[in-house]
Amino acid sequence: MAQTPEGKVKDALKAILLSYGIFPAGKAGAFPPDCSGWYFMPPGTQFSIKGVPDFIGKFHGLFWAVETKAPKKKPTGFQKLQIDAINKSPGPCFVIDGDFTEFEAWLKGILKCIMTSA
């Protein structure tokens, strides 16, 4: 079965997250010692809250979220509502359609802050 364009974006994002030590949430205590964060992918079911982003996580204690889209696709109305609500909180929500530049710049900025304060 061929993977969807959005599925390819999700897989690429998972690889980037692992490269920064951000692991999928699992059983308590299952994170490796070098873990710098975690992520969770809320399942989309009929009982889910509409528009919740595809990835929700923490990186060095900071909340973030990502809505993945196929290249050149835009968030739906419900997704825009959730993205706006998250962006008004103390954590960013990124929309990624294959260009990871902004999200990786945010991750690198966090690491730079940690390195300069250590």
Protein backbone atom coordinates (compact mmCIF):
# COMPACT_ATOMS: atom_id res chain seq x y z
CA MET A 1 0.00 0.00 0.00
CA ALA A 2 1.46 3.35 -1.04
CA GLN A 3 2.03 5.94 1.62
CA THR A 4 0.10 9.22 1.44
CA PRO A 5 1.95 12.52 0.97
CA GLU A 6 0.96 13.53 4.52
CA GLY A 7 2.22 10.17 5.80
CA LYS A 8 5.62 10.91 4.25
CA VAL A 9 5.70 14.28 6.07
CA LYS A 10 4.81 12.54 9.36
CA ASP A 11 7.58 9.95 8.89
CA ALA A 12 10.13 12.65 8.09
CA LEU A 13 9.05 14.59 11.18
CA LYS A 14 9.41 11.48 13.37
CA ALA A 15 12.99 11.07 12.11
CA ILE A 16 13.76 14.72 12.92
CA LEU A 17 12.24 14.35 16.39
CA LEU A 18 14.40 11.30 17.11
CA SER A 19 17.50 13.18 15.94
CA TYR A 20 16.79 15.75 18.69
CA GLY A 21 16.22 13.05 21.33
CA ILE A 22 12.42 13.43 21.24
CA PHE A 23 10.84 10.01 21.62
CA PRO A 24 7.30 8.69 21.18
CA ALA A 25 5.41 8.64 24.47
CA GLY A 26 4.94 5.15 25.80
CA LYS A 27 5.02 3.34 29.07
CA ALA A 28 6.16 5.32 32.11
CA GLY A 29 9.91 5.08 32.55
CA ALA A 30 10.43 3.79 28.99
CA PHE A 31 12.42 6.82 27.81
CA PRO A 32 16.17 6.44 27.31
CA PRO A 33 18.49 8.41 29.61
CA ASP A 34 19.42 10.87 26.82
CA CYS A 35 15.77 11.75 26.17
CA SER A 36 15.21 15.49 25.71
CA GLY A 37 11.50 15.25 25.07
CA TRP A 38 8.52 13.22 23.99
CA TYR A 39 5.65 13.37 21.55
CA PHE A 40 2.18 11.90 21.33
CA MET A 41 -0.01 11.45 18.27
CA PRO A 42 -3.66 11.69 19.33
CA PRO A 43 -5.72 9.12 17.45
CA GLY A 44 -8.36 10.50 15.12
CA THR A 45 -11.65 8.81 15.95
CA GLN A 46 -15.30 9.78 16.04
CA PHE A 47 -14.78 10.58 19.73
CA SER A 48 -11.75 12.85 19.21
CA ILE A 49 -11.79 16.61 19.59
CA LYS A 50 -11.88 18.06 16.08
CA GLY A 51 -8.81 19.88 14.86
CA VAL A 52 -6.31 18.69 17.50
CA PRO A 53 -2.84 18.68 15.89
CA ASP A 54 -1.19 15.46 14.73
CA PHE A 55 1.76 15.76 17.16
CA ILE A 56 1.75 17.09 20.71
CA GLY A 57 4.93 17.09 22.75
CA LYS A 58 7.49 18.55 25.10
CA PHE A 59 11.10 19.48 24.38
CA HIS A 60 13.30 20.32 27.35
CA GLY A 61 10.12 21.01 29.30
CA LEU A 62 8.53 23.24 26.67
CA PHE A 63 5.19 22.41 25.06
CA TRP A 64 4.84 22.29 21.27
CA ALA A 65 2.42 20.95 18.67
CA VAL A 66 2.60 20.20 14.96
CA GLU A 67 -0.14 19.81 12.38
CA THR A 68 1.22 17.93 9.38
CA LYS A 69 -0.23 18.45 5.92
CA ALA A 70 0.46 17.11 2.47
CA PRO A 71 2.60 19.56 0.48
CA LYS A 72 0.73 22.77 -0.36
CA LYS A 73 -2.34 21.74 1.70
CA LYS A 74 -3.78 24.05 4.36
CA PRO A 75 -5.37 23.36 7.76
CA THR A 76 -9.13 22.93 8.01
CA GLY A 77 -11.34 25.36 9.91
CA PHE A 78 -11.32 23.25 13.08
CA GLN A 79 -7.55 22.80 12.80
CA LYS A 80 -7.09 26.57 12.48
CA LEU A 81 -9.13 27.09 15.67
CA GLN A 82 -6.95 24.63 17.60
CA ILE A 83 -3.71 26.04 16.13
CA ASP A 84 -4.72 29.60 17.10
CA ALA A 85 -5.65 28.49 20.62
CA ILE A 86 -2.31 26.71 21.08
CA ASN A 87 -0.37 29.69 19.70
CA LYS A 88 -2.03 31.87 22.35
CA SER A 89 -0.73 29.52 25.04
CA PRO A 90 2.88 29.32 26.19
CA GLY A 91 3.78 26.93 23.39
CA PRO A 92 3.94 27.10 19.60
CA CYS A 93 1.96 25.10 17.07
CA PHE A 94 3.62 24.60 13.71
CA VAL A 95 1.96 23.66 10.42
CA ILE A 96 4.38 21.52 8.41
CA ASP A 97 3.75 20.50 4.81
CA GLY A 98 7.24 19.18 4.13
CA ASP A 99 9.25 22.31 5.00
CA PHE A 100 10.69 21.72 8.48
CA THR A 101 12.78 24.92 8.56
CA GLU A 102 10.70 26.88 11.08
CA PHE A 103 10.25 23.94 13.46
CA GLU A 104 13.93 23.01 13.36
CA ALA A 105 14.91 26.64 13.92
CA TRP A 106 12.71 26.61 17.05
CA LEU A 107 14.34 23.37 18.28
CA LYS A 108 17.84 24.77 17.62
CA GLY A 109 16.90 28.00 19.41
CA ILE A 110 15.87 26.03 22.50
CA LEU A 111 19.16 24.13 22.42
CA LYS A 112 21.11 27.37 22.04
CA CYS A 113 19.34 28.85 25.09
CA ILE A 114 20.14 25.73 27.11
CA MET A 115 23.79 25.79 26.07
CA THR A 116 24.27 29.47 26.89
CA SER A 117 22.58 29.17 30.29
CA ALA A 118 24.62 26.10 31.30
